[in-house]
Amino acid sequence: MTYLRDDAQLIRSHLPSHARPPEDADALFLIYAVLLRAKGVHVTDVDVHDAWVAWMETRNPQHPALVPFELLDKPTQSQDLPYVQAIQSAARDRGAHRAP
């Protein structure tokens, strides 16, 4: 297992029980691990959405949420929050307090 997979697993472990990522989201969590390492506790909901868009682009390029975060309705935007919080929490565990 690589350090990014370790970080991806750590992020998963910090997700609240109500967050339900797709079963086959390993590649998405690797992107989230890069966010953890690059942004640490400063990761934002926009960052998480952009990562999800990059991942979803390869899976379903017609998905209706493949738009900038600001164009999403509030309920859709709120779906990114548990992932932001999980990455931030994992960053605190790793001591990854990178500057924005």
N, C-alpha and C. Protein backbone atom coordinates (compact mmCIF):
# COMPACT_ATOMS: atom_id res chain seq x y z
N MET A 1 0.85 -1.18 0.00
CA MET A 1 0.00 0.00 0.00
C MET A 1 0.90 1.24 0.00
N THR A 2 0.53 2.24 -0.80
CA THR A 2 1.32 3.47 -0.87
C THR A 2 0.85 4.47 0.19
N TYR A 3 1.63 5.51 0.36
CA TYR A 3 1.28 6.56 1.31
C TYR A 3 -0.03 7.24 0.92
N LEU A 4 -0.32 7.37 -0.37
CA LEU A 4 -1.59 7.97 -0.77
C LEU A 4 -2.77 7.06 -0.44
N ARG A 5 -2.59 5.77 -0.62
CA ARG A 5 -3.66 4.84 -0.23
C ARG A 5 -3.86 4.86 1.29
N ASP A 6 -2.76 4.99 2.03
CA ASP A 6 -2.89 5.12 3.49
C ASP A 6 -3.70 6.37 3.84
N ASP A 7 -3.39 7.48 3.18
CA ASP A 7 -4.12 8.72 3.45
C ASP A 7 -5.58 8.60 3.01
N ALA A 8 -5.83 7.94 1.88
CA ALA A 8 -7.20 7.73 1.41
C ALA A 8 -7.99 6.93 2.43
N GLN A 9 -7.38 5.90 2.98
CA GLN A 9 -8.05 5.08 4.00
C GLN A 9 -8.31 5.90 5.26
N LEU A 10 -7.36 6.74 5.63
CA LEU A 10 -7.55 7.60 6.80
C LEU A 10 -8.74 8.54 6.59
N ILE A 11 -8.84 9.12 5.41
CA ILE A 11 -9.97 10.01 5.10
C ILE A 11 -11.27 9.23 5.23
N ARG A 12 -11.33 8.04 4.64
CA ARG A 12 -12.53 7.20 4.74
C ARG A 12 -12.90 6.95 6.20
N SER A 13 -11.90 6.74 7.03
CA SER A 13 -12.16 6.43 8.44
C SER A 13 -12.74 7.63 9.19
N HIS A 14 -12.56 8.82 8.65
CA HIS A 14 -13.08 10.03 9.28
C HIS A 14 -14.45 10.45 8.74
N LEU A 15 -14.97 9.73 7.76
CA LEU A 15 -16.29 10.07 7.24
C LEU A 15 -17.36 9.73 8.25
N PRO A 16 -18.36 10.59 8.40
CA PRO A 16 -19.48 10.24 9.28
C PRO A 16 -20.29 9.11 8.67
N SER A 17 -21.04 8.43 9.49
CA SER A 17 -21.78 7.25 9.02
C SER A 17 -22.83 7.59 7.96
N HIS A 18 -23.35 8.81 7.94
CA HIS A 18 -24.36 9.17 6.94
C HIS A 18 -23.77 9.42 5.55
N ALA A 19 -22.47 9.62 5.45
CA ALA A 19 -21.83 9.81 4.14
C ALA A 19 -21.73 8.45 3.47
N ARG A 20 -22.18 8.37 2.25
CA ARG A 20 -22.19 7.09 1.53
C ARG A 20 -21.49 7.25 0.18
N PRO A 21 -20.16 7.13 0.19
CA PRO A 21 -19.46 7.22 -1.10
C PRO A 21 -19.78 6.00 -1.95
N PRO A 22 -19.67 6.13 -3.26
CA PRO A 22 -19.88 4.96 -4.12
C PRO A 22 -18.92 3.84 -3.76
N GLU A 23 -19.35 2.62 -3.97
CA GLU A 23 -18.53 1.44 -3.67
C GLU A 23 -17.18 1.47 -4.39
N ASP A 24 -17.18 1.98 -5.61
CA ASP A 24 -15.98 1.95 -6.44
C ASP A 24 -15.28 3.30 -6.49
N ALA A 25 -15.17 3.97 -5.34
CA ALA A 25 -14.62 5.32 -5.28
C ALA A 25 -13.16 5.37 -4.85
N ASP A 26 -12.43 4.28 -5.02
CA ASP A 26 -11.02 4.28 -4.60
C ASP A 26 -10.22 5.38 -5.28
N ALA A 27 -10.44 5.58 -6.57
CA ALA A 27 -9.69 6.62 -7.29
C ALA A 27 -10.07 8.01 -6.78
N LEU A 28 -11.32 8.20 -6.42
CA LEU A 28 -11.75 9.48 -5.87
C LEU A 28 -11.02 9.75 -4.55
N PHE A 29 -10.92 8.76 -3.72
CA PHE A 29 -10.26 8.95 -2.44
C PHE A 29 -8.76 9.16 -2.60
N LEU A 30 -8.17 8.65 -3.66
CA LEU A 30 -6.76 8.97 -3.94
C LEU A 30 -6.62 10.46 -4.28
N ILE A 31 -7.59 11.00 -5.01
CA ILE A 31 -7.56 12.44 -5.30
C ILE A 31 -7.75 13.21 -3.99
N TYR A 32 -8.65 12.77 -3.14
CA TYR A 32 -8.83 13.42 -1.85
C TYR A 32 -7.54 13.35 -1.03
N ALA A 33 -6.80 12.25 -1.14
CA ALA A 33 -5.53 12.14 -0.42
C ALA A 33 -4.53 13.19 -0.92
N VAL A 34 -4.55 13.46 -2.21
CA VAL A 34 -3.69 14.53 -2.75
C VAL A 34 -4.12 15.87 -2.16
N LEU A 35 -5.43 16.10 -2.05
CA LEU A 35 -5.90 17.34 -1.42
C LEU A 35 -5.42 17.42 0.03
N LEU A 36 -5.48 16.32 0.73
CA LEU A 36 -5.00 16.30 2.11
C LEU A 36 -3.55 16.76 2.17
N ARG A 37 -2.73 16.22 1.29
CA ARG A 37 -1.30 16.54 1.30
C ARG A 37 -1.03 17.95 0.79
N ALA A 38 -1.82 18.42 -0.15
CA ALA A 38 -1.58 19.74 -0.74
C ALA A 38 -2.19 20.88 0.07
N LYS A 39 -3.37 20.66 0.62
CA LYS A 39 -4.10 21.74 1.28
C LYS A 39 -4.26 21.54 2.78
N GLY A 40 -4.16 20.30 3.24
CA GLY A 40 -4.30 20.03 4.67
C GLY A 40 -5.63 20.52 5.20
N VAL A 41 -5.59 21.16 6.35
CA VAL A 41 -6.82 21.63 7.00
C VAL A 41 -7.47 22.79 6.24
N HIS A 42 -6.80 23.31 5.24
CA HIS A 42 -7.32 24.44 4.47
C HIS A 42 -8.13 24.01 3.25
N VAL A 43 -8.37 22.71 3.10
CA VAL A 43 -9.18 22.23 1.98
C VAL A 43 -10.58 22.82 2.09
N THR A 44 -11.18 23.12 0.94
CA THR A 44 -12.50 23.75 0.93
C THR A 44 -13.51 22.86 0.20
N ASP A 45 -14.77 23.26 0.32
CA ASP A 45 -15.81 22.54 -0.39
C ASP A 45 -15.63 22.67 -1.90
N VAL A 46 -15.11 23.79 -2.36
CA VAL A 46 -14.82 23.95 -3.80
C VAL A 46 -13.74 22.96 -4.23
N ASP A 47 -12.69 22.80 -3.40
CA ASP A 47 -11.63 21.83 -3.72
C ASP A 47 -12.19 20.42 -3.83
N VAL A 48 -13.02 20.05 -2.88
CA VAL A 48 -13.61 18.70 -2.88
C VAL A 48 -14.50 18.50 -4.10
N HIS A 49 -15.30 19.50 -4.41
CA HIS A 49 -16.15 19.39 -5.59
C HIS A 49 -15.31 19.26 -6.86
N ASP A 50 -14.27 20.08 -6.98
CA ASP A 50 -13.40 20.00 -8.17
C ASP A 50 -12.79 18.61 -8.30
N ALA A 51 -12.37 18.03 -7.18
CA ALA A 51 -11.81 16.67 -7.21
C ALA A 51 -12.87 15.67 -7.67
N TRP A 52 -14.07 15.81 -7.14
CA TRP A 52 -15.16 14.92 -7.54
C TRP A 52 -15.46 15.07 -9.04
N VAL A 53 -15.47 16.30 -9.54
CA VAL A 53 -15.73 16.54 -10.96
C VAL A 53 -14.66 15.85 -11.81
N ALA A 54 -13.39 15.98 -11.42
CA ALA A 54 -12.31 15.32 -12.17
C ALA A 54 -12.53 13.81 -12.22
N TRP A 55 -12.93 13.24 -11.09
CA TRP A 55 -13.19 11.80 -11.03
C TRP A 55 -14.43 11.43 -11.85
N MET A 56 -15.51 12.19 -11.68
CA MET A 56 -16.77 11.88 -12.36
C MET A 56 -16.65 12.07 -13.87
N GLU A 57 -15.81 12.97 -14.30
CA GLU A 57 -15.60 13.21 -15.73
C GLU A 57 -15.21 11.92 -16.46
N THR A 58 -14.48 11.04 -15.78
CA THR A 58 -14.06 9.78 -16.39
C THR A 58 -15.13 8.70 -16.30
N ARG A 59 -16.13 8.92 -15.46
CA ARG A 59 -17.16 7.92 -15.23
C ARG A 59 -18.47 8.24 -15.94
N ASN A 60 -18.87 9.51 -15.86
CA ASN A 60 -20.14 9.93 -16.44
C ASN A 60 -20.04 11.40 -16.86
N PRO A 61 -19.46 11.63 -18.04
CA PRO A 61 -19.23 13.02 -18.47
C PRO A 61 -20.52 13.81 -18.70
N GLN A 62 -21.67 13.17 -18.61
CA GLN A 62 -22.95 13.86 -18.77
C GLN A 62 -23.62 14.17 -17.43
N HIS A 63 -22.96 13.85 -16.33
CA HIS A 63 -23.56 14.06 -15.01
C HIS A 63 -23.95 15.53 -14.84
N PRO A 64 -25.15 15.81 -14.35
CA PRO A 64 -25.61 17.20 -14.25
C PRO A 64 -24.84 18.06 -13.25
N ALA A 65 -24.10 17.45 -12.33
CA ALA A 65 -23.36 18.23 -11.33
C ALA A 65 -21.95 18.59 -11.78
N LEU A 66 -21.63 18.32 -13.05
CA LEU A 66 -20.30 18.67 -13.57
C LEU A 66 -20.28 20.15 -13.96
N VAL A 67 -20.50 20.97 -12.97
CA VAL A 67 -20.50 22.43 -13.14
C VAL A 67 -19.70 23.01 -11.98
N PRO A 68 -19.27 24.27 -12.10
CA PRO A 68 -18.57 24.87 -10.96
C PRO A 68 -19.43 24.84 -9.70
N PHE A 69 -18.77 24.70 -8.57
CA PHE A 69 -19.44 24.58 -7.27
C PHE A 69 -20.49 25.67 -7.07
N GLU A 70 -20.17 26.88 -7.46
CA GLU A 70 -21.05 28.02 -7.23
C GLU A 70 -22.38 27.90 -7.98
N LEU A 71 -22.43 27.09 -9.01
CA LEU A 71 -23.65 26.91 -9.78
C LEU A 71 -24.55 25.80 -9.26
N LEU A 72 -24.08 25.07 -8.27
CA LEU A 72 -24.87 24.01 -7.68
C LEU A 72 -25.89 24.59 -6.71
N ASP A 73 -27.02 23.91 -6.56
CA ASP A 73 -27.98 24.34 -5.54
C ASP A 73 -27.41 23.98 -4.15
N LYS A 74 -27.95 24.60 -3.13
CA LYS A 74 -27.43 24.41 -1.77
C LYS A 74 -27.48 22.96 -1.30
N PRO A 75 -28.56 22.22 -1.56
CA PRO A 75 -28.56 20.81 -1.12
C PRO A 75 -27.43 20.00 -1.77
N THR A 76 -27.15 20.26 -3.04
CA THR A 76 -26.06 19.53 -3.71
C THR A 76 -24.72 19.98 -3.15
N GLN A 77 -24.55 21.28 -2.93
CA GLN A 77 -23.30 21.77 -2.34
C GLN A 77 -23.04 21.12 -0.98
N SER A 78 -24.10 20.94 -0.20
CA SER A 78 -23.93 20.41 1.15
C SER A 78 -23.42 18.96 1.16
N GLN A 79 -23.56 18.26 0.04
CA GLN A 79 -23.08 16.88 -0.03
C GLN A 79 -21.56 16.79 0.04
N ASP A 80 -20.86 17.89 -0.25
CA ASP A 80 -19.39 17.89 -0.18
C ASP A 80 -18.87 18.07 1.24
N LEU A 81 -19.68 18.64 2.13
CA LEU A 81 -19.22 18.98 3.47
C LEU A 81 -18.66 17.81 4.27
N PRO A 82 -19.29 16.63 4.30
CA PRO A 82 -18.69 15.53 5.07
C PRO A 82 -17.29 15.15 4.58
N TYR A 83 -17.04 15.31 3.29
CA TYR A 83 -15.73 14.97 2.73
C TYR A 83 -14.71 16.04 3.09
N VAL A 84 -15.13 17.30 3.07
CA VAL A 84 -14.25 18.39 3.53
C VAL A 84 -13.85 18.13 4.97
N GLN A 85 -14.82 17.85 5.80
CA GLN A 85 -14.55 17.64 7.22
C GLN A 85 -13.68 16.40 7.45
N ALA A 86 -13.90 15.35 6.67
CA ALA A 86 -13.08 14.14 6.81
C ALA A 86 -11.63 14.41 6.40
N ILE A 87 -11.44 15.16 5.32
CA ILE A 87 -10.08 15.50 4.89
C ILE A 87 -9.41 16.38 5.92
N GLN A 88 -10.13 17.37 6.44
CA GLN A 88 -9.56 18.26 7.46
C GLN A 88 -9.19 17.48 8.72
N SER A 89 -10.05 16.58 9.13
CA SER A 89 -9.78 15.78 10.31
C SER A 89 -8.58 14.86 10.10
N ALA A 90 -8.52 14.24 8.93
CA ALA A 90 -7.37 13.39 8.60
C ALA A 90 -6.08 14.23 8.56
N ALA A 91 -6.18 15.44 8.05
CA ALA A 91 -5.01 16.33 7.99
C ALA A 91 -4.51 16.64 9.41
N ARG A 92 -5.44 16.88 10.32
CA ARG A 92 -5.03 17.12 11.71
C ARG A 92 -4.33 15.89 12.29
N ASP A 93 -4.85 14.70 11.97
CA ASP A 93 -4.19 13.48 12.43
C ASP A 93 -2.78 13.35 11.88
N ARG A 94 -2.61 13.74 10.62
CA ARG A 94 -1.31 13.63 9.96
C ARG A 94 -0.40 14.83 10.24
N GLY A 95 -0.96 15.86 10.88
CA GLY A 95 -0.16 17.06 11.11
C GLY A 95 0.05 17.85 9.83
N ALA A 96 -0.89 17.71 8.89
CA ALA A 96 -0.77 18.37 7.57
C ALA A 96 -1.51 19.70 7.62
N HIS A 97 -0.87 20.69 8.19
CA HIS A 97 -1.48 22.02 8.30
C HIS A 97 -0.87 22.94 7.26
N ARG A 98 -1.02 22.61 6.02
CA ARG A 98 -0.45 23.37 4.92
C ARG A 98 -1.09 24.75 4.80
N ALA A 99 -0.32 25.68 4.31
CA ALA A 99 -0.86 27.02 4.04
C ALA A 99 -1.72 26.96 2.80
N PRO A 100 -2.74 27.82 2.74
CA PRO A 100 -3.62 27.81 1.56
C PRO A 100 -2.89 28.21 0.28
